[in-house]
Amino acid sequence: MLPKFLQSCLWSYDLSKMTPEGSKEMIITQVLNYGDSQAIRWLFKTYKLYELKDVIRKPRRGLWLENAINYWSKILKIKVDPYYYKFCILDINPNPELWQEFWKDR
């Protein structure tokens, strides 16, 4: 069971249906993006450092705020692969050149 104070980071999820292990990647991503000090403390107590680093090292496409991924990669001394970095940033503006480049390699 997740603490209720995480709802502010996971606003579109039903916390009663999530577990720390089963939803680990989403919880880590959302808390590092949107968490307050209480949520960040809980995150660092709940997960091992290597688990946090793994999520940052290969961030999910379109889920990261640019300032958050930059901040946490510097704090935790992680080099994010440029390929993953360019696709992980949340961007509501269409960018056809970026997607053409992405699909060219598939």
PDB file of N, CA and C in Angstrom:
ATOM      1  N   MET A   1       0.847  -1.181   0.000  1.00  0.00           N
ATOM      2  CA  MET A   1       0.000   0.000   0.000  1.00  0.00           C
ATOM      3  C   MET A   1       0.890   1.242   0.000  1.00  0.00           C
ATOM      4  N   LEU A   2       0.554   2.170  -0.869  1.00  0.00           N
ATOM      5  CA  LEU A   2       1.309   3.418  -0.949  1.00  0.00           C
ATOM      6  C   LEU A   2       0.710   4.462  -0.019  1.00  0.00           C
ATOM      7  N   PRO A   3       1.554   5.320   0.543  1.00  0.00           N
ATOM      8  CA  PRO A   3       1.029   6.390   1.397  1.00  0.00           C
ATOM      9  C   PRO A   3       0.204   7.397   0.590  1.00  0.00           C
ATOM     10  N   LYS A   4      -0.811   7.945   1.227  1.00  0.00           N
ATOM     11  CA  LYS A   4      -1.730   8.873   0.558  1.00  0.00           C
ATOM     12  C   LYS A   4      -1.045  10.148   0.070  1.00  0.00           C
ATOM     13  N   PHE A   5       0.036  10.539   0.728  1.00  0.00           N
ATOM     14  CA  PHE A   5       0.697  11.780   0.310  1.00  0.00           C
ATOM     15  C   PHE A   5       1.336  11.654  -1.078  1.00  0.00           C
ATOM     16  N   LEU A   6       1.453  10.449  -1.619  1.00  0.00           N
ATOM     17  CA  LEU A   6       1.993  10.290  -2.971  1.00  0.00           C
ATOM     18  C   LEU A   6       0.968  10.604  -4.058  1.00  0.00           C
ATOM     19  N   GLN A   7      -0.291  10.764  -3.658  1.00  0.00           N
ATOM     20  CA  GLN A   7      -1.342  11.048  -4.637  1.00  0.00           C
ATOM     21  C   GLN A   7      -1.048  12.320  -5.423  1.00  0.00           C
ATOM     22  N   SER A   8      -0.379  13.284  -4.811  1.00  0.00           N
ATOM     23  CA  SER A   8      -0.057  14.527  -5.523  1.00  0.00           C
ATOM     24  C   SER A   8       0.955  14.292  -6.652  1.00  0.00           C
ATOM     25  N   CYS A   9       1.724  13.228  -6.578  1.00  0.00           N
ATOM     26  CA  CYS A   9       2.668  12.876  -7.647  1.00  0.00           C
ATOM     27  C   CYS A   9       2.045  11.914  -8.656  1.00  0.00           C
ATOM     28  N   LEU A  10       1.093  11.134  -8.183  1.00  0.00           N
ATOM     29  CA  LEU A  10       0.469  10.090  -9.000  1.00  0.00           C
ATOM     30  C   LEU A  10      -1.027  10.391  -9.141  1.00  0.00           C
ATOM     31  N   TRP A  11      -1.354  11.614  -9.535  1.00  0.00           N
ATOM     32  CA  TRP A  11      -2.730  12.099  -9.520  1.00  0.00           C
ATOM     33  C   TRP A  11      -3.677  11.300 -10.413  1.00  0.00           C
ATOM     34  N   SER A  12      -3.184  10.671 -11.446  1.00  0.00           N
ATOM     35  CA  SER A  12      -4.095   9.958 -12.347  1.00  0.00           C
ATOM     36  C   SER A  12      -4.133   8.448 -12.075  1.00  0.00           C
ATOM     37  N   TYR A  13      -3.610   8.044 -10.946  1.00  0.00           N
ATOM     38  CA  TYR A  13      -3.556   6.623 -10.596  1.00  0.00           C
ATOM     39  C   TYR A  13      -4.346   6.354  -9.326  1.00  0.00           C
ATOM     40  N   ASP A  14      -4.856   5.148  -9.213  1.00  0.00           N
ATOM     41  CA  ASP A  14      -5.528   4.687  -8.009  1.00  0.00           C
ATOM     42  C   ASP A  14      -4.463   4.047  -7.118  1.00  0.00           C
ATOM     43  N   LEU A  15      -4.076   4.743  -6.066  1.00  0.00           N
ATOM     44  CA  LEU A  15      -3.003   4.262  -5.197  1.00  0.00           C
ATOM     45  C   LEU A  15      -3.316   2.910  -4.569  1.00  0.00           C
ATOM     46  N   SER A  16      -4.590   2.626  -4.355  1.00  0.00           N
ATOM     47  CA  SER A  16      -4.950   1.348  -3.730  1.00  0.00           C
ATOM     48  C   SER A  16      -4.664   0.158  -4.650  1.00  0.00           C
ATOM     49  N   LYS A  17      -4.458   0.422  -5.930  1.00  0.00           N
ATOM     50  CA  LYS A  17      -4.170  -0.651  -6.882  1.00  0.00           C
ATOM     51  C   LYS A  17      -2.690  -0.729  -7.241  1.00  0.00           C
ATOM     52  N   MET A  18      -1.884   0.088  -6.592  1.00  0.00           N
ATOM     53  CA  MET A  18      -0.450   0.121  -6.887  1.00  0.00           C
ATOM     54  C   MET A  18       0.344  -0.434  -5.709  1.00  0.00           C
ATOM     55  N   THR A  19       1.474  -1.044  -6.042  1.00  0.00           N
ATOM     56  CA  THR A  19       2.400  -1.500  -4.998  1.00  0.00           C
ATOM     57  C   THR A  19       3.766  -0.895  -5.297  1.00  0.00           C
ATOM     58  N   PRO A  20       4.589  -0.721  -4.271  1.00  0.00           N
ATOM     59  CA  PRO A  20       5.919  -0.165  -4.522  1.00  0.00           C
ATOM     60  C   PRO A  20       6.735  -0.989  -5.523  1.00  0.00           C
ATOM     61  N   GLU A  21       6.592  -2.291  -5.493  1.00  0.00           N
ATOM     62  CA  GLU A  21       7.360  -3.127  -6.412  1.00  0.00           C
ATOM     63  C   GLU A  21       6.711  -3.209  -7.796  1.00  0.00           C
ATOM     64  N   GLY A  22       5.417  -3.383  -7.845  1.00  0.00           N
ATOM     65  CA  GLY A  22       4.717  -3.551  -9.113  1.00  0.00           C
ATOM     66  C   GLY A  22       4.677  -2.305  -9.975  1.00  0.00           C
ATOM     67  N   SER A  23       4.758  -1.144  -9.375  1.00  0.00           N
ATOM     68  CA  SER A  23       4.694   0.125 -10.108  1.00  0.00           C
ATOM     69  C   SER A  23       5.960   0.947  -9.895  1.00  0.00           C
ATOM     70  N   LYS A  24       7.037   0.268  -9.640  1.00  0.00           N
ATOM     71  CA  LYS A  24       8.290   0.924  -9.250  1.00  0.00           C
ATOM     72  C   LYS A  24       8.736   2.008 -10.232  1.00  0.00           C
ATOM     73  N   GLU A  25       8.803   1.693 -11.509  1.00  0.00           N
ATOM     74  CA  GLU A  25       9.325   2.651 -12.481  1.00  0.00           C
ATOM     75  C   GLU A  25       8.465   3.916 -12.548  1.00  0.00           C
ATOM     76  N   MET A  26       7.142   3.746 -12.539  1.00  0.00           N
ATOM     77  CA  MET A  26       6.247   4.900 -12.612  1.00  0.00           C
ATOM     78  C   MET A  26       6.327   5.724 -11.327  1.00  0.00           C
ATOM     79  N   ILE A  27       6.358   5.064 -10.186  1.00  0.00           N
ATOM     80  CA  ILE A  27       6.437   5.777  -8.905  1.00  0.00           C
ATOM     81  C   ILE A  27       7.728   6.589  -8.840  1.00  0.00           C
ATOM     82  N   ILE A  28       8.847   5.960  -9.166  1.00  0.00           N
ATOM     83  CA  ILE A  28      10.136   6.668  -9.114  1.00  0.00           C
ATOM     84  C   ILE A  28      10.123   7.860 -10.065  1.00  0.00           C
ATOM     85  N   THR A  29       9.673   7.646 -11.281  1.00  0.00           N
ATOM     86  CA  THR A  29       9.639   8.726 -12.272  1.00  0.00           C
ATOM     87  C   THR A  29       8.778   9.892 -11.795  1.00  0.00           C
ATOM     88  N   GLN A  30       7.568   9.594 -11.361  1.00  0.00           N
ATOM     89  CA  GLN A  30       6.640  10.649 -10.964  1.00  0.00           C
ATOM     90  C   GLN A  30       7.104  11.393  -9.709  1.00  0.00           C
ATOM     91  N   VAL A  31       7.636  10.666  -8.744  1.00  0.00           N
ATOM     92  CA  VAL A  31       8.093  11.331  -7.520  1.00  0.00           C
ATOM     93  C   VAL A  31       9.318  12.197  -7.804  1.00  0.00           C
ATOM     94  N   LEU A  32      10.241  11.715  -8.628  1.00  0.00           N
ATOM     95  CA  LEU A  32      11.406  12.549  -8.952  1.00  0.00           C
ATOM     96  C   LEU A  32      11.008  13.766  -9.782  1.00  0.00           C
ATOM     97  N   ASN A  33       9.962  13.658 -10.539  1.00  0.00           N
ATOM     98  CA  ASN A  33       9.471  14.799 -11.327  1.00  0.00           C
ATOM     99  C   ASN A  33       8.683  15.794 -10.485  1.00  0.00           C
ATOM    100  N   TYR A  34       7.788  15.292  -9.629  1.00  0.00           N
ATOM    101  CA  TYR A  34       6.792  16.152  -8.988  1.00  0.00           C
ATOM    102  C   TYR A  34       6.780  16.117  -7.464  1.00  0.00           C
ATOM    103  N   GLY A  35       7.622  15.294  -6.871  1.00  0.00           N
ATOM    104  CA  GLY A  35       7.541  15.089  -5.435  1.00  0.00           C
ATOM    105  C   GLY A  35       8.035  16.246  -4.586  1.00  0.00           C
ATOM    106  N   ASP A  36       7.409  16.383  -3.426  1.00  0.00           N
ATOM    107  CA  ASP A  36       7.885  17.342  -2.432  1.00  0.00           C
ATOM    108  C   ASP A  36       8.902  16.620  -1.544  1.00  0.00           C
ATOM    109  N   SER A  37       9.395  17.295  -0.518  1.00  0.00           N
ATOM    110  CA  SER A  37      10.443  16.702   0.320  1.00  0.00           C
ATOM    111  C   SER A  37       9.971  15.426   1.018  1.00  0.00           C
ATOM    112  N   GLN A  38       8.715  15.374   1.423  1.00  0.00           N
ATOM    113  CA  GLN A  38       8.185  14.174   2.079  1.00  0.00           C
ATOM    114  C   GLN A  38       8.176  12.988   1.106  1.00  0.00           C
ATOM    115  N   ALA A  39       7.742  13.212  -0.097  1.00  0.00           N
ATOM    116  CA  ALA A  39       7.690  12.151  -1.098  1.00  0.00           C
ATOM    117  C   ALA A  39       9.097  11.688  -1.491  1.00  0.00           C
ATOM    118  N   ILE A  40      10.022  12.618  -1.616  1.00  0.00           N
ATOM    119  CA  ILE A  40      11.411  12.270  -1.964  1.00  0.00           C
ATOM    120  C   ILE A  40      12.043  11.444  -0.847  1.00  0.00           C
ATOM    121  N   ARG A  41      11.823  11.845   0.409  1.00  0.00           N
ATOM    122  CA  ARG A  41      12.356  11.060   1.537  1.00  0.00           C
ATOM    123  C   ARG A  41      11.793   9.646   1.516  1.00  0.00           C
ATOM    124  N   TRP A  42      10.488   9.514   1.281  1.00  0.00           N
ATOM    125  CA  TRP A  42       9.857   8.198   1.228  1.00  0.00           C
ATOM    126  C   TRP A  42      10.484   7.365   0.105  1.00  0.00           C
ATOM    127  N   LEU A  43      10.699   7.993  -1.042  1.00  0.00           N
ATOM    128  CA  LEU A  43      11.275   7.301  -2.195  1.00  0.00           C
ATOM    129  C   LEU A  43      12.653   6.735  -1.864  1.00  0.00           C
ATOM    130  N   PHE A  44      13.502   7.539  -1.238  1.00  0.00           N
ATOM    131  CA  PHE A  44      14.858   7.104  -0.925  1.00  0.00           C
ATOM    132  C   PHE A  44      14.891   6.070   0.202  1.00  0.00           C
ATOM    133  N   LYS A  45      13.863   6.031   1.027  1.00  0.00           N
ATOM    134  CA  LYS A  45      13.760   4.984   2.053  1.00  0.00           C
ATOM    135  C   LYS A  45      13.199   3.690   1.481  1.00  0.00           C
ATOM    136  N   THR A  46      12.359   3.807   0.466  1.00  0.00           N
ATOM    137  CA  THR A  46      11.648   2.654  -0.081  1.00  0.00           C
ATOM    138  C   THR A  46      12.477   1.887  -1.111  1.00  0.00           C
ATOM    139  N   TYR A  47      13.240   2.602  -1.920  1.00  0.00           N
ATOM    140  CA  TYR A  47      13.995   1.973  -2.997  1.00  0.00           C
ATOM    141  C   TYR A  47      15.489   2.097  -2.750  1.00  0.00           C
ATOM    142  N   LYS A  48      16.205   1.138  -3.276  1.00  0.00           N
ATOM    143  CA  LYS A  48      17.670   1.179  -3.209  1.00  0.00           C
ATOM    144  C   LYS A  48      18.170   2.181  -4.248  1.00  0.00           C
ATOM    145  N   LEU A  49      19.337   2.725  -3.976  1.00  0.00           N
ATOM    146  CA  LEU A  49      19.903   3.741  -4.853  1.00  0.00           C
ATOM    147  C   LEU A  49      20.061   3.219  -6.281  1.00  0.00           C
ATOM    148  N   TYR A  50      20.476   1.974  -6.450  1.00  0.00           N
ATOM    149  CA  TYR A  50      20.653   1.447  -7.799  1.00  0.00           C
ATOM    150  C   TYR A  50      19.318   1.379  -8.550  1.00  0.00           C
ATOM    151  N   GLU A  51      18.203   1.187  -7.843  1.00  0.00           N
ATOM    152  CA  GLU A  51      16.892   1.165  -8.501  1.00  0.00           C
ATOM    153  C   GLU A  51      16.535   2.551  -9.037  1.00  0.00           C
ATOM    154  N   LEU A  52      16.816   3.571  -8.248  1.00  0.00           N
ATOM    155  CA  LEU A  52      16.570   4.943  -8.692  1.00  0.00           C
ATOM    156  C   LEU A  52      17.445   5.269  -9.896  1.00  0.00           C
ATOM    157  N   LYS A  53      18.705   4.895  -9.817  1.00  0.00           N
ATOM    158  CA  LYS A  53      19.640   5.175 -10.910  1.00  0.00           C
ATOM    159  C   LYS A  53      19.240   4.454 -12.194  1.00  0.00           C
ATOM    160  N   ASP A  54      18.767   3.234 -12.077  1.00  0.00           N
ATOM    161  CA  ASP A  54      18.341   2.482 -13.265  1.00  0.00           C
ATOM    162  C   ASP A  54      17.203   3.189 -13.992  1.00  0.00           C
ATOM    163  N   VAL A  55      16.252   3.726 -13.230  1.00  0.00           N
ATOM    164  CA  VAL A  55      15.114   4.438 -13.841  1.00  0.00           C
ATOM    165  C   VAL A  55      15.589   5.710 -14.529  1.00  0.00           C
ATOM    166  N   ILE A  56      16.548   6.400 -13.942  1.00  0.00           N
ATOM    167  CA  ILE A  56      17.070   7.631 -14.545  1.00  0.00           C
ATOM    168  C   ILE A  56      17.971   7.315 -15.733  1.00  0.00           C
ATOM    169  N   ARG A  57      18.732   6.255 -15.641  1.00  0.00           N
ATOM    170  CA  ARG A  57      19.660   5.881 -16.710  1.00  0.00           C
ATOM    171  C   ARG A  57      18.917   5.573 -18.020  1.00  0.00           C
ATOM    172  N   LYS A  58      17.758   4.947 -17.915  1.00  0.00           N
ATOM    173  CA  LYS A  58      16.934   4.637 -19.093  1.00  0.00           C
ATOM    174  C   LYS A  58      15.529   5.185 -18.859  1.00  0.00           C
ATOM    175  N   PRO A  59      15.376   6.498 -18.944  1.00  0.00           N
ATOM    176  CA  PRO A  59      14.080   7.118 -18.652  1.00  0.00           C
ATOM    177  C   PRO A  59      13.026   6.760 -19.690  1.00  0.00           C
ATOM    178  N   ARG A  60      11.784   6.660 -19.244  1.00  0.00           N
ATOM    179  CA  ARG A  60      10.679   6.327 -20.150  1.00  0.00           C
ATOM    180  C   ARG A  60      10.330   7.512 -21.039  1.00  0.00           C
ATOM    181  N   ARG A  61       9.915   7.191 -22.226  1.00  0.00           N
ATOM    182  CA  ARG A  61       9.632   8.186 -23.257  1.00  0.00           C
ATOM    183  C   ARG A  61       8.492   9.121 -22.840  1.00  0.00           C
ATOM    184  N   GLY A  62       8.769  10.424 -22.915  1.00  0.00           N
ATOM    185  CA  GLY A  62       7.756  11.449 -22.735  1.00  0.00           C
ATOM    186  C   GLY A  62       7.252  11.664 -21.322  1.00  0.00           C
ATOM    187  N   LEU A  63       7.950  11.161 -20.308  1.00  0.00           N
ATOM    188  CA  LEU A  63       7.449  11.277 -18.937  1.00  0.00           C
ATOM    189  C   LEU A  63       8.247  12.223 -18.040  1.00  0.00           C
ATOM    190  N   TRP A  64       9.356  12.707 -18.505  1.00  0.00           N
ATOM    191  CA  TRP A  64      10.226  13.497 -17.632  1.00  0.00           C
ATOM    192  C   TRP A  64      10.153  14.991 -17.927  1.00  0.00           C
ATOM    193  N   LEU A  65      10.150  15.774 -16.863  1.00  0.00           N
ATOM    194  CA  LEU A  65      10.349  17.215 -16.990  1.00  0.00           C
ATOM    195  C   LEU A  65      11.842  17.418 -17.221  1.00  0.00           C
ATOM    196  N   GLU A  66      12.181  18.287 -18.137  1.00  0.00           N
ATOM    197  CA  GLU A  66      13.594  18.468 -18.483  1.00  0.00           C
ATOM    198  C   GLU A  66      14.437  18.870 -17.275  1.00  0.00           C
ATOM    199  N   ASN A  67      13.917  19.787 -16.461  1.00  0.00           N
ATOM    200  CA  ASN A  67      14.705  20.226 -15.301  1.00  0.00           C
ATOM    201  C   ASN A  67      14.862  19.092 -14.273  1.00  0.00           C
ATOM    202  N   ALA A  68      13.884  18.198 -14.176  1.00  0.00           N
ATOM    203  CA  ALA A  68      13.971  17.093 -13.213  1.00  0.00           C
ATOM    204  C   ALA A  68      15.007  16.066 -13.643  1.00  0.00           C
ATOM    205  N   ILE A  69      14.986  15.639 -14.897  1.00  0.00           N
ATOM    206  CA  ILE A  69      15.970  14.651 -15.357  1.00  0.00           C
ATOM    207  C   ILE A  69      17.374  15.236 -15.292  1.00  0.00           C
ATOM    208  N   ASN A  70      17.521  16.526 -15.604  1.00  0.00           N
ATOM    209  CA  ASN A  70      18.837  17.172 -15.507  1.00  0.00           C
ATOM    210  C   ASN A  70      19.306  17.213 -14.052  1.00  0.00           C
ATOM    211  N   TYR A  71      18.419  17.615 -13.159  1.00  0.00           N
ATOM    212  CA  TYR A  71      18.762  17.725 -11.735  1.00  0.00           C
ATOM    213  C   TYR A  71      19.175  16.368 -11.151  1.00  0.00           C
ATOM    214  N   TRP A  72      18.311  15.361 -11.303  1.00  0.00           N
ATOM    215  CA  TRP A  72      18.584  14.065 -10.682  1.00  0.00           C
ATOM    216  C   TRP A  72      19.770  13.353 -11.321  1.00  0.00           C
ATOM    217  N   SER A  73      19.993  13.536 -12.598  1.00  0.00           N
ATOM    218  CA  SER A  73      21.171  12.904 -13.206  1.00  0.00           C
ATOM    219  C   SER A  73      22.459  13.538 -12.671  1.00  0.00           C
ATOM    220  N   LYS A  74      22.411  14.834 -12.385  1.00  0.00           N
ATOM    221  CA  LYS A  74      23.589  15.489 -11.789  1.00  0.00           C
ATOM    222  C   LYS A  74      23.766  15.096 -10.319  1.00  0.00           C
ATOM    223  N   ILE A  75      22.696  15.113  -9.565  1.00  0.00           N
ATOM    224  CA  ILE A  75      22.769  14.777  -8.139  1.00  0.00           C
ATOM    225  C   ILE A  75      23.260  13.352  -7.936  1.00  0.00           C
ATOM    226  N   LEU A  76      22.755  12.430  -8.761  1.00  0.00           N
ATOM    227  CA  LEU A  76      23.108  11.016  -8.596  1.00  0.00           C
ATOM    228  C   LEU A  76      24.266  10.586  -9.500  1.00  0.00           C
ATOM    229  N   LYS A  77      24.869  11.564 -10.185  1.00  0.00           N
ATOM    230  CA  LYS A  77      26.047  11.334 -11.027  1.00  0.00           C
ATOM    231  C   LYS A  77      25.808  10.231 -12.056  1.00  0.00           C
ATOM    232  N   ILE A  78      24.769  10.446 -12.868  1.00  0.00           N
ATOM    233  CA  ILE A  78      24.374   9.483 -13.880  1.00  0.00           C
ATOM    234  C   ILE A  78      24.480  10.138 -15.248  1.00  0.00           C
ATOM    235  N   LYS A  79      25.066   9.435 -16.175  1.00  0.00           N
ATOM    236  CA  LYS A  79      25.117   9.888 -17.568  1.00  0.00           C
ATOM    237  C   LYS A  79      23.941   9.245 -18.288  1.00  0.00           C
ATOM    238  N   VAL A  80      22.979  10.065 -18.688  1.00  0.00           N
ATOM    239  CA  VAL A  80      21.821   9.575 -19.433  1.00  0.00           C
ATOM    240  C   VAL A  80      22.207   9.515 -20.903  1.00  0.00           C
ATOM    241  N   ASP A  81      21.993   8.364 -21.500  1.00  0.00           N
ATOM    242  CA  ASP A  81      22.281   8.180 -22.919  1.00  0.00           C
ATOM    243  C   ASP A  81      21.523   9.251 -23.710  1.00  0.00           C
ATOM    244  N   PRO A  82      22.221   9.970 -24.605  1.00  0.00           N
ATOM    245  CA  PRO A  82      21.552  11.041 -25.374  1.00  0.00           C
ATOM    246  C   PRO A  82      20.332  10.550 -26.149  1.00  0.00           C
ATOM    247  N   TYR A  83      20.352   9.330 -26.619  1.00  0.00           N
ATOM    248  CA  TYR A  83      19.218   8.762 -27.346  1.00  0.00           C
ATOM    249  C   TYR A  83      17.989   8.714 -26.445  1.00  0.00           C
ATOM    250  N   TYR A  84      18.152   8.205 -25.211  1.00  0.00           N
ATOM    251  CA  TYR A  84      17.040   8.148 -24.270  1.00  0.00           C
ATOM    252  C   TYR A  84      16.632   9.547 -23.828  1.00  0.00           C
ATOM    253  N   TYR A  85      17.626  10.405 -23.620  1.00  0.00           N
ATOM    254  CA  TYR A  85      17.348  11.753 -23.120  1.00  0.00           C
ATOM    255  C   TYR A  85      16.409  12.514 -24.042  1.00  0.00           C
ATOM    256  N   LYS A  86      16.684  12.491 -25.341  1.00  0.00           N
ATOM    257  CA  LYS A  86      15.887  13.321 -26.248  1.00  0.00           C
ATOM    258  C   LYS A  86      14.426  12.860 -26.333  1.00  0.00           C
ATOM    259  N   PHE A  87      14.159  11.604 -26.044  1.00  0.00           N
ATOM    260  CA  PHE A  87      12.790  11.109 -26.105  1.00  0.00           C
ATOM    261  C   PHE A  87      12.089  11.090 -24.757  1.00  0.00           C
ATOM    262  N   CYS A  88      12.821  11.254 -23.682  1.00  0.00           N
ATOM    263  CA  CYS A  88      12.192  11.166 -22.360  1.00  0.00           C
ATOM    264  C   CYS A  88      11.526  12.473 -21.937  1.00  0.00           C
ATOM    265  N   ILE A  89      11.911  13.577 -22.539  1.00  0.00           N
ATOM    266  CA  ILE A  89      11.396  14.884 -22.131  1.00  0.00           C
ATOM    267  C   ILE A  89       9.925  15.033 -22.526  1.00  0.00           C
ATOM    268  N   LEU A  90       9.117  15.413 -21.562  1.00  0.00           N
ATOM    269  CA  LEU A  90       7.704  15.693 -21.793  1.00  0.00           C
ATOM    270  C   LEU A  90       7.604  16.948 -22.645  1.00  0.00           C
ATOM    271  N   ASP A  91       6.991  16.808 -23.807  1.00  0.00           N
ATOM    272  CA  ASP A  91       6.879  17.934 -24.731  1.00  0.00           C
ATOM    273  C   ASP A  91       5.543  17.825 -25.447  1.00  0.00           C
ATOM    274  N   ILE A  92       4.679  18.809 -25.238  1.00  0.00           N
ATOM    275  CA  ILE A  92       3.364  18.758 -25.862  1.00  0.00           C
ATOM    276  C   ILE A  92       3.364  19.367 -27.263  1.00  0.00           C
ATOM    277  N   ASN A  93       4.505  19.890 -27.680  1.00  0.00           N
ATOM    278  CA  ASN A  93       4.601  20.474 -29.011  1.00  0.00           C
ATOM    279  C   ASN A  93       5.038  19.406 -30.006  1.00  0.00           C
ATOM    280  N   PRO A  94       4.384  19.342 -31.155  1.00  0.00           N
ATOM    281  CA  PRO A  94       4.794  18.357 -32.157  1.00  0.00           C
ATOM    282  C   PRO A  94       6.208  18.669 -32.646  1.00  0.00           C
ATOM    283  N   ASN A  95       6.946  17.646 -32.894  1.00  0.00           N
ATOM    284  CA  ASN A  95       8.317  17.795 -33.370  1.00  0.00           C
ATOM    285  C   ASN A  95       8.559  16.737 -34.443  1.00  0.00           C
ATOM    286  N   PRO A  96       8.065  16.946 -35.656  1.00  0.00           N
ATOM    287  CA  PRO A  96       8.143  15.910 -36.686  1.00  0.00           C
ATOM    288  C   PRO A  96       9.567  15.484 -37.037  1.00  0.00           C
ATOM    289  N   GLU A  97      10.528  16.410 -36.978  1.00  0.00           N
ATOM    290  CA  GLU A  97      11.903  16.068 -37.314  1.00  0.00           C
ATOM    291  C   GLU A  97      12.452  15.022 -36.347  1.00  0.00           C
ATOM    292  N   LEU A  98      12.141  15.187 -35.076  1.00  0.00           N
ATOM    293  CA  LEU A  98      12.602  14.243 -34.064  1.00  0.00           C
ATOM    294  C   LEU A  98      12.000  12.866 -34.299  1.00  0.00           C
ATOM    295  N   TRP A  99      10.711  12.811 -34.611  1.00  0.00           N
ATOM    296  CA  TRP A  99      10.056  11.518 -34.829  1.00  0.00           C
ATOM    297  C   TRP A  99      10.507  10.864 -36.117  1.00  0.00           C
ATOM    298  N   GLN A 100      10.787  11.637 -37.148  1.00  0.00           N
ATOM    299  CA  GLN A 100      11.316  11.053 -38.388  1.00  0.00           C
ATOM    300  C   GLN A 100      12.659  10.393 -38.111  1.00  0.00           C
ATOM    301  N   GLU A 101      13.477  11.053 -37.315  1.00  0.00           N
ATOM    302  CA  GLU A 101      14.778  10.486 -36.949  1.00  0.00           C
ATOM    303  C   GLU A 101      14.598   9.196 -36.145  1.00  0.00           C
ATOM    304  N   PHE A 102      13.633   9.215 -35.223  1.00  0.00           N
ATOM    305  CA  PHE A 102      13.374   8.044 -34.399  1.00  0.00           C
ATOM    306  C   PHE A 102      12.935   6.846 -35.253  1.00  0.00           C
ATOM    307  N   TRP A 103      11.981   7.053 -36.133  1.00  0.00           N
ATOM    308  CA  TRP A 103      11.433   5.946 -36.921  1.00  0.00           C
ATOM    309  C   TRP A 103      12.389   5.494 -38.019  1.00  0.00           C
ATOM    310  N   LYS A 104      13.302   6.334 -38.412  1.00  0.00           N
ATOM    311  CA  LYS A 104      14.290   5.971 -39.427  1.00  0.00           C
ATOM    312  C   LYS A 104      15.140   4.778 -38.960  1.00  0.00           C
ATOM    313  N   ASP A 105      15.435   4.724 -37.664  1.00  0.00           N
ATOM    314  CA  ASP A 105      16.274   3.656 -37.101  1.00  0.00           C
ATOM    315  C   ASP A 105      15.506   2.386 -36.801  1.00  0.00           C
ATOM    316  N   ARG A 106      14.214   2.345 -37.009  1.00  0.00           N
ATOM    317  CA  ARG A 106      13.403   1.166 -36.652  1.00  0.00           C
ATOM    318  C   ARG A 106      13.201   0.272 -37.823  1.00  0.00           C
TER     319      ARG A 106
END
